Amino acid sequence: MSASKKALGDLHTALAKTLKDAIDTMDMSDKGNAAILNVARQFLKDNGIEAVPAEGSPTGALAAKLNEYPFDPQADGVH
């Protein structure tokens, strides 16, 4: 038996709301944060959601922070 489109849509909406609520109420010292953020990242990716790091946006601030720690694959031993 297959689920109806409405049931799948309702599940999709519930998952999105649950992930948002979990992130909004996240205790920054909780070790489970990485798991929640990884599920949210994959959910966004699976749904084709991408962000361009525009200056002044949260994504832009993240990109600027990451640029403070340049990644050099050769120096870091990544092949």
PDB file of N, CA and C in Angstrom:
ATOM      1  N   MET A   1       0.849  -1.169   0.000  1.00  0.00           N
ATOM      2  CA  MET A   1       0.000   0.000   0.000  1.00  0.00           C
ATOM      3  C   MET A   1       0.896   1.234   0.000  1.00  0.00           C
ATOM      4  N   SER A   2       0.578   2.204  -0.828  1.00  0.00           N
ATOM      5  CA  SER A   2       1.384   3.417  -0.876  1.00  0.00           C
ATOM      6  C   SER A   2       0.667   4.561  -0.164  1.00  0.00           C
ATOM      7  N   ALA A   3       1.470   5.479   0.347  1.00  0.00           N
ATOM      8  CA  ALA A   3       0.919   6.634   1.062  1.00  0.00           C
ATOM      9  C   ALA A   3       0.371   7.642   0.058  1.00  0.00           C
ATOM     10  N   SER A   4      -0.632   8.366   0.473  1.00  0.00           N
ATOM     11  CA  SER A   4      -1.203   9.386  -0.403  1.00  0.00           C
ATOM     12  C   SER A   4      -0.262  10.585  -0.475  1.00  0.00           C
ATOM     13  N   LYS A   5      -0.444  11.369  -1.542  1.00  0.00           N
ATOM     14  CA  LYS A   5       0.368  12.585  -1.683  1.00  0.00           C
ATOM     15  C   LYS A   5       0.140  13.519  -0.502  1.00  0.00           C
ATOM     16  N   LYS A   6      -1.086  13.590  -0.017  1.00  0.00           N
ATOM     17  CA  LYS A   6      -1.380  14.459   1.129  1.00  0.00           C
ATOM     18  C   LYS A   6      -0.642  13.979   2.364  1.00  0.00           C
ATOM     19  N   ALA A   7      -0.644  12.663   2.605  1.00  0.00           N
ATOM     20  CA  ALA A   7       0.051  12.124   3.777  1.00  0.00           C
ATOM     21  C   ALA A   7       1.548  12.396   3.687  1.00  0.00           C
ATOM     22  N   LEU A   8       2.121  12.213   2.499  1.00  0.00           N
ATOM     23  CA  LEU A   8       3.549  12.488   2.324  1.00  0.00           C
ATOM     24  C   LEU A   8       3.847  13.978   2.472  1.00  0.00           C
ATOM     25  N   GLY A   9       2.963  14.811   1.945  1.00  0.00           N
ATOM     26  CA  GLY A   9       3.130  16.262   2.094  1.00  0.00           C
ATOM     27  C   GLY A   9       3.052  16.685   3.552  1.00  0.00           C
ATOM     28  N   ASP A  10       2.113  16.092   4.293  1.00  0.00           N
ATOM     29  CA  ASP A  10       1.981  16.398   5.721  1.00  0.00           C
ATOM     30  C   ASP A  10       3.228  15.972   6.488  1.00  0.00           C
ATOM     31  N   LEU A  11       3.782  14.806   6.136  1.00  0.00           N
ATOM     32  CA  LEU A  11       5.001  14.325   6.777  1.00  0.00           C
ATOM     33  C   LEU A  11       6.178  15.244   6.469  1.00  0.00           C
ATOM     34  N   HIS A  12       6.275  15.689   5.227  1.00  0.00           N
ATOM     35  CA  HIS A  12       7.330  16.616   4.817  1.00  0.00           C
ATOM     36  C   HIS A  12       7.247  17.909   5.615  1.00  0.00           C
ATOM     37  N   THR A  13       6.045  18.447   5.739  1.00  0.00           N
ATOM     38  CA  THR A  13       5.836  19.682   6.503  1.00  0.00           C
ATOM     39  C   THR A  13       6.182  19.482   7.973  1.00  0.00           C
ATOM     40  N   ALA A  14       5.768  18.360   8.525  1.00  0.00           N
ATOM     41  CA  ALA A  14       6.062  18.080   9.941  1.00  0.00           C
ATOM     42  C   ALA A  14       7.557  17.951  10.176  1.00  0.00           C
ATOM     43  N   LEU A  15       8.262  17.304   9.257  1.00  0.00           N
ATOM     44  CA  LEU A  15       9.709  17.167   9.402  1.00  0.00           C
ATOM     45  C   LEU A  15      10.389  18.530   9.340  1.00  0.00           C
ATOM     46  N   ALA A  16       9.988  19.361   8.392  1.00  0.00           N
ATOM     47  CA  ALA A  16      10.567  20.702   8.281  1.00  0.00           C
ATOM     48  C   ALA A  16      10.323  21.503   9.561  1.00  0.00           C
ATOM     49  N   LYS A  17       9.100  21.449  10.089  1.00  0.00           N
ATOM     50  CA  LYS A  17       8.778  22.192  11.319  1.00  0.00           C
ATOM     51  C   LYS A  17       9.560  21.644  12.511  1.00  0.00           C
ATOM     52  N   THR A  18       9.659  20.334  12.611  1.00  0.00           N
ATOM     53  CA  THR A  18      10.380  19.716  13.728  1.00  0.00           C
ATOM     54  C   THR A  18      11.858  20.088  13.696  1.00  0.00           C
ATOM     55  N   LEU A  19      12.467  20.064  12.508  1.00  0.00           N
ATOM     56  CA  LEU A  19      13.877  20.451  12.394  1.00  0.00           C
ATOM     57  C   LEU A  19      14.071  21.912  12.755  1.00  0.00           C
ATOM     58  N   LYS A  20      13.183  22.785  12.262  1.00  0.00           N
ATOM     59  CA  LYS A  20      13.301  24.208  12.584  1.00  0.00           C
ATOM     60  C   LYS A  20      13.173  24.432  14.086  1.00  0.00           C
ATOM     61  N   ASP A  21      12.183  23.800  14.705  1.00  0.00           N
ATOM     62  CA  ASP A  21      11.982  23.953  16.144  1.00  0.00           C
ATOM     63  C   ASP A  21      13.186  23.429  16.927  1.00  0.00           C
ATOM     64  N   ALA A  22      13.744  22.310  16.495  1.00  0.00           N
ATOM     65  CA  ALA A  22      14.908  21.739  17.183  1.00  0.00           C
ATOM     66  C   ALA A  22      16.099  22.691  17.107  1.00  0.00           C
ATOM     67  N   ILE A  23      16.292  23.295  15.946  1.00  0.00           N
ATOM     68  CA  ILE A  23      17.414  24.238  15.793  1.00  0.00           C
ATOM     69  C   ILE A  23      17.158  25.508  16.595  1.00  0.00           C
ATOM     70  N   ASP A  24      15.913  26.002  16.578  1.00  0.00           N
ATOM     71  CA  ASP A  24      15.580  27.222  17.325  1.00  0.00           C
ATOM     72  C   ASP A  24      15.793  27.065  18.825  1.00  0.00           C
ATOM     73  N   THR A  25      15.594  25.859  19.353  1.00  0.00           N
ATOM     74  CA  THR A  25      15.685  25.646  20.803  1.00  0.00           C
ATOM     75  C   THR A  25      16.974  24.925  21.211  1.00  0.00           C
ATOM     76  N   MET A  26      17.908  24.825  20.296  1.00  0.00           N
ATOM     77  CA  MET A  26      19.147  24.086  20.504  1.00  0.00           C
ATOM     78  C   MET A  26      19.986  24.670  21.637  1.00  0.00           C
ATOM     79  N   ASP A  27      20.441  23.795  22.521  1.00  0.00           N
ATOM     80  CA  ASP A  27      21.409  24.176  23.555  1.00  0.00           C
ATOM     81  C   ASP A  27      22.777  24.025  22.920  1.00  0.00           C
ATOM     82  N   MET A  28      23.526  25.104  22.844  1.00  0.00           N
ATOM     83  CA  MET A  28      24.790  25.088  22.120  1.00  0.00           C
ATOM     84  C   MET A  28      25.812  24.119  22.704  1.00  0.00           C
ATOM     85  N   SER A  29      25.599  23.637  23.916  1.00  0.00           N
ATOM     86  CA  SER A  29      26.551  22.698  24.506  1.00  0.00           C
ATOM     87  C   SER A  29      26.130  21.248  24.294  1.00  0.00           C
ATOM     88  N   ASP A  30      24.991  21.024  23.646  1.00  0.00           N
ATOM     89  CA  ASP A  30      24.464  19.669  23.440  1.00  0.00           C
ATOM     90  C   ASP A  30      25.223  18.957  22.329  1.00  0.00           C
ATOM     91  N   LYS A  31      25.673  17.747  22.594  1.00  0.00           N
ATOM     92  CA  LYS A  31      26.419  16.974  21.602  1.00  0.00           C
ATOM     93  C   LYS A  31      25.549  16.520  20.441  1.00  0.00           C
ATOM     94  N   GLY A  32      24.233  16.536  20.599  1.00  0.00           N
ATOM     95  CA  GLY A  32      23.327  16.131  19.531  1.00  0.00           C
ATOM     96  C   GLY A  32      23.152  17.178  18.447  1.00  0.00           C
ATOM     97  N   ASN A  33      23.691  18.358  18.639  1.00  0.00           N
ATOM     98  CA  ASN A  33      23.534  19.435  17.662  1.00  0.00           C
ATOM     99  C   ASN A  33      24.030  19.040  16.280  1.00  0.00           C
ATOM    100  N   ALA A  34      25.171  18.396  16.213  1.00  0.00           N
ATOM    101  CA  ALA A  34      25.741  18.025  14.912  1.00  0.00           C
ATOM    102  C   ALA A  34      24.786  17.103  14.162  1.00  0.00           C
ATOM    103  N   ALA A  35      24.170  16.174  14.844  1.00  0.00           N
ATOM    104  CA  ALA A  35      23.243  15.244  14.195  1.00  0.00           C
ATOM    105  C   ALA A  35      22.017  15.984  13.666  1.00  0.00           C
ATOM    106  N   ILE A  36      21.467  16.880  14.455  1.00  0.00           N
ATOM    107  CA  ILE A  36      20.290  17.645  14.026  1.00  0.00           C
ATOM    108  C   ILE A  36      20.649  18.513  12.826  1.00  0.00           C
ATOM    109  N   LEU A  37      21.783  19.205  12.912  1.00  0.00           N
ATOM    110  CA  LEU A  37      22.189  20.069  11.811  1.00  0.00           C
ATOM    111  C   LEU A  37      22.479  19.272  10.551  1.00  0.00           C
ATOM    112  N   ASN A  38      23.034  18.078  10.693  1.00  0.00           N
ATOM    113  CA  ASN A  38      23.310  17.254   9.525  1.00  0.00           C
ATOM    114  C   ASN A  38      22.008  16.769   8.869  1.00  0.00           C
ATOM    115  N   VAL A  39      21.029  16.405   9.669  1.00  0.00           N
ATOM    116  CA  VAL A  39      19.732  16.001   9.105  1.00  0.00           C
ATOM    117  C   VAL A  39      19.094  17.190   8.389  1.00  0.00           C
ATOM    118  N   ALA A  40      19.160  18.369   8.992  1.00  0.00           N
ATOM    119  CA  ALA A  40      18.591  19.563   8.360  1.00  0.00           C
ATOM    120  C   ALA A  40      19.322  19.886   7.062  1.00  0.00           C
ATOM    121  N   ARG A  41      20.648  19.758   7.066  1.00  0.00           N
ATOM    122  CA  ARG A  41      21.438  20.015   5.861  1.00  0.00           C
ATOM    123  C   ARG A  41      21.025  19.063   4.740  1.00  0.00           C
ATOM    124  N   GLN A  42      20.880  17.792   5.066  1.00  0.00           N
ATOM    125  CA  GLN A  42      20.505  16.810   4.058  1.00  0.00           C
ATOM    126  C   GLN A  42      19.073  17.035   3.564  1.00  0.00           C
ATOM    127  N   PHE A  43      18.182  17.431   4.470  1.00  0.00           N
ATOM    128  CA  PHE A  43      16.795  17.731   4.104  1.00  0.00           C
ATOM    129  C   PHE A  43      16.759  18.872   3.087  1.00  0.00           C
ATOM    130  N   LEU A  44      17.535  19.932   3.361  1.00  0.00           N
ATOM    131  CA  LEU A  44      17.585  21.058   2.428  1.00  0.00           C
ATOM    132  C   LEU A  44      18.172  20.623   1.084  1.00  0.00           C
ATOM    133  N   LYS A  45      19.262  19.860   1.138  1.00  0.00           N
ATOM    134  CA  LYS A  45      19.904  19.389  -0.092  1.00  0.00           C
ATOM    135  C   LYS A  45      18.941  18.530  -0.909  1.00  0.00           C
ATOM    136  N   ASP A  46      18.259  17.610  -0.240  1.00  0.00           N
ATOM    137  CA  ASP A  46      17.316  16.724  -0.927  1.00  0.00           C
ATOM    138  C   ASP A  46      16.169  17.494  -1.579  1.00  0.00           C
ATOM    139  N   ASN A  47      15.893  18.677  -1.060  1.00  0.00           N
ATOM    140  CA  ASN A  47      14.803  19.491  -1.587  1.00  0.00           C
ATOM    141  C   ASN A  47      15.291  20.599  -2.512  1.00  0.00           C
ATOM    142  N   GLY A  48      16.573  20.544  -2.881  1.00  0.00           N
ATOM    143  CA  GLY A  48      17.117  21.512  -3.841  1.00  0.00           C
ATOM    144  C   GLY A  48      17.256  22.919  -3.310  1.00  0.00           C
ATOM    145  N   ILE A  49      17.386  23.053  -1.993  1.00  0.00           N
ATOM    146  CA  ILE A  49      17.520  24.373  -1.390  1.00  0.00           C
ATOM    147  C   ILE A  49      18.995  24.721  -1.279  1.00  0.00           C
ATOM    148  N   GLU A  50      19.387  25.830  -1.909  1.00  0.00           N
ATOM    149  CA  GLU A  50      20.762  26.295  -1.855  1.00  0.00           C
ATOM    150  C   GLU A  50      20.760  27.767  -1.481  1.00  0.00           C
ATOM    151  N   ALA A  51      21.885  28.228  -0.976  1.00  0.00           N
ATOM    152  CA  ALA A  51      22.002  29.635  -0.594  1.00  0.00           C
ATOM    153  C   ALA A  51      23.308  30.191  -1.136  1.00  0.00           C
ATOM    154  N   VAL A  52      23.239  31.411  -1.633  1.00  0.00           N
ATOM    155  CA  VAL A  52      24.429  32.124  -2.067  1.00  0.00           C
ATOM    156  C   VAL A  52      24.842  33.014  -0.901  1.00  0.00           C
ATOM    157  N   PRO A  53      26.112  32.935  -0.477  1.00  0.00           N
ATOM    158  CA  PRO A  53      26.541  33.722   0.679  1.00  0.00           C
ATOM    159  C   PRO A  53      26.641  35.215   0.365  1.00  0.00           C
ATOM    160  N   ALA A  54      25.509  35.911   0.438  1.00  0.00           N
ATOM    161  CA  ALA A  54      25.465  37.346   0.173  1.00  0.00           C
ATOM    162  C   ALA A  54      25.975  38.125   1.380  1.00  0.00           C
ATOM    163  N   GLU A  55      26.697  39.189   1.108  1.00  0.00           N
ATOM    164  CA  GLU A  55      27.222  40.029   2.181  1.00  0.00           C
ATOM    165  C   GLU A  55      26.077  40.549   3.041  1.00  0.00           C
ATOM    166  N   GLY A  56      26.235  40.458   4.358  1.00  0.00           N
ATOM    167  CA  GLY A  56      25.226  40.926   5.295  1.00  0.00           C
ATOM    168  C   GLY A  56      24.204  39.865   5.683  1.00  0.00           C
ATOM    169  N   SER A  57      24.246  38.700   5.036  1.00  0.00           N
ATOM    170  CA  SER A  57      23.310  37.631   5.371  1.00  0.00           C
ATOM    171  C   SER A  57      23.984  36.648   6.328  1.00  0.00           C
ATOM    172  N   PRO A  58      23.212  35.812   7.011  1.00  0.00           N
ATOM    173  CA  PRO A  58      23.818  34.794   7.873  1.00  0.00           C
ATOM    174  C   PRO A  58      24.762  33.867   7.102  1.00  0.00           C
ATOM    175  N   THR A  59      24.387  33.529   5.864  1.00  0.00           N
ATOM    176  CA  THR A  59      25.257  32.672   5.055  1.00  0.00           C
ATOM    177  C   THR A  59      26.544  33.405   4.698  1.00  0.00           C
ATOM    178  N   GLY A  60      26.438  34.685   4.424  1.00  0.00           N
ATOM    179  CA  GLY A  60      27.620  35.497   4.139  1.00  0.00           C
ATOM    180  C   GLY A  60      28.541  35.593   5.344  1.00  0.00           C
ATOM    181  N   ALA A  61      27.955  35.717   6.527  1.00  0.00           N
ATOM    182  CA  ALA A  61      28.754  35.765   7.755  1.00  0.00           C
ATOM    183  C   ALA A  61      29.476  34.437   7.973  1.00  0.00           C
ATOM    184  N   LEU A  62      28.805  33.340   7.677  1.00  0.00           N
ATOM    185  CA  LEU A  62      29.431  32.029   7.798  1.00  0.00           C
ATOM    186  C   LEU A  62      30.593  31.899   6.814  1.00  0.00           C
ATOM    187  N   ALA A  63      30.381  32.321   5.576  1.00  0.00           N
ATOM    188  CA  ALA A  63      31.445  32.254   4.566  1.00  0.00           C
ATOM    189  C   ALA A  63      32.645  33.097   4.989  1.00  0.00           C
ATOM    190  N   ALA A  64      32.388  34.282   5.535  1.00  0.00           N
ATOM    191  CA  ALA A  64      33.488  35.142   5.994  1.00  0.00           C
ATOM    192  C   ALA A  64      34.249  34.487   7.139  1.00  0.00           C
ATOM    193  N   LYS A  65      33.534  33.860   8.056  1.00  0.00           N
ATOM    194  CA  LYS A  65      34.174  33.179   9.183  1.00  0.00           C
ATOM    195  C   LYS A  65      35.031  32.019   8.690  1.00  0.00           C
ATOM    196  N   LEU A  66      34.493  31.247   7.742  1.00  0.00           N
ATOM    197  CA  LEU A  66      35.242  30.115   7.197  1.00  0.00           C
ATOM    198  C   LEU A  66      36.500  30.571   6.467  1.00  0.00           C
ATOM    199  N   ASN A  67      36.450  31.746   5.852  1.00  0.00           N
ATOM    200  CA  ASN A  67      37.621  32.269   5.156  1.00  0.00           C
ATOM    201  C   ASN A  67      38.744  32.652   6.110  1.00  0.00           C
ATOM    202  N   GLU A  68      38.433  32.809   7.393  1.00  0.00           N
ATOM    203  CA  GLU A  68      39.464  33.085   8.386  1.00  0.00           C
ATOM    204  C   GLU A  68      40.337  31.855   8.622  1.00  0.00           C
ATOM    205  N   TYR A  69      39.840  30.692   8.213  1.00  0.00           N
ATOM    206  CA  TYR A  69      40.541  29.429   8.405  1.00  0.00           C
ATOM    207  C   TYR A  69      40.721  28.764   7.042  1.00  0.00           C
ATOM    208  N   PRO A  70      41.652  29.272   6.248  1.00  0.00           N
ATOM    209  CA  PRO A  70      41.803  28.722   4.899  1.00  0.00           C
ATOM    210  C   PRO A  70      42.171  27.244   4.927  1.00  0.00           C
ATOM    211  N   PHE A  71      41.672  26.539   3.955  1.00  0.00           N
ATOM    212  CA  PHE A  71      41.910  25.102   3.835  1.00  0.00           C
ATOM    213  C   PHE A  71      42.899  24.875   2.706  1.00  0.00           C
ATOM    214  N   ASP A  72      44.012  24.275   3.040  1.00  0.00           N
ATOM    215  CA  ASP A  72      45.025  23.925   2.043  1.00  0.00           C
ATOM    216  C   ASP A  72      45.143  22.409   2.037  1.00  0.00           C
ATOM    217  N   PRO A  73      44.540  21.741   1.041  1.00  0.00           N
ATOM    218  CA  PRO A  73      44.553  20.277   1.025  1.00  0.00           C
ATOM    219  C   PRO A  73      45.952  19.666   1.134  1.00  0.00           C
ATOM    220  N   GLN A  74      46.926  20.279   0.497  1.00  0.00           N
ATOM    221  CA  GLN A  74      48.289  19.742   0.538  1.00  0.00           C
ATOM    222  C   GLN A  74      48.879  19.862   1.932  1.00  0.00           C
ATOM    223  N   ALA A  75      48.718  21.030   2.546  1.00  0.00           N
ATOM    224  CA  ALA A  75      49.272  21.245   3.891  1.00  0.00           C
ATOM    225  C   ALA A  75      48.542  20.422   4.932  1.00  0.00           C
ATOM    226  N   ASP A  76      47.249  20.158   4.689  1.00  0.00           N
ATOM    227  CA  ASP A  76      46.447  19.399   5.646  1.00  0.00           C
ATOM    228  C   ASP A  76      46.492  17.898   5.395  1.00  0.00           C
ATOM    229  N   GLY A  77      47.283  17.461   4.407  1.00  0.00           N
ATOM    230  CA  GLY A  77      47.457  16.052   4.151  1.00  0.00           C
ATOM    231  C   GLY A  77      46.269  15.363   3.507  1.00  0.00           C
ATOM    232  N   VAL A  78      45.419  16.121   2.824  1.00  0.00           N
ATOM    233  CA  VAL A  78      44.267  15.529   2.136  1.00  0.00           C
ATOM    234  C   VAL A  78      44.689  15.211   0.718  1.00  0.00           C
ATOM    235  N   HIS A  79      44.339  14.034   0.274  1.00  0.00           N
ATOM    236  CA  HIS A  79      44.728  13.612  -1.084  1.00  0.00           C
ATOM    237  C   HIS A  79      43.559  13.647  -2.004  1.00  0.00           C
TER     238      HIS A  79
END
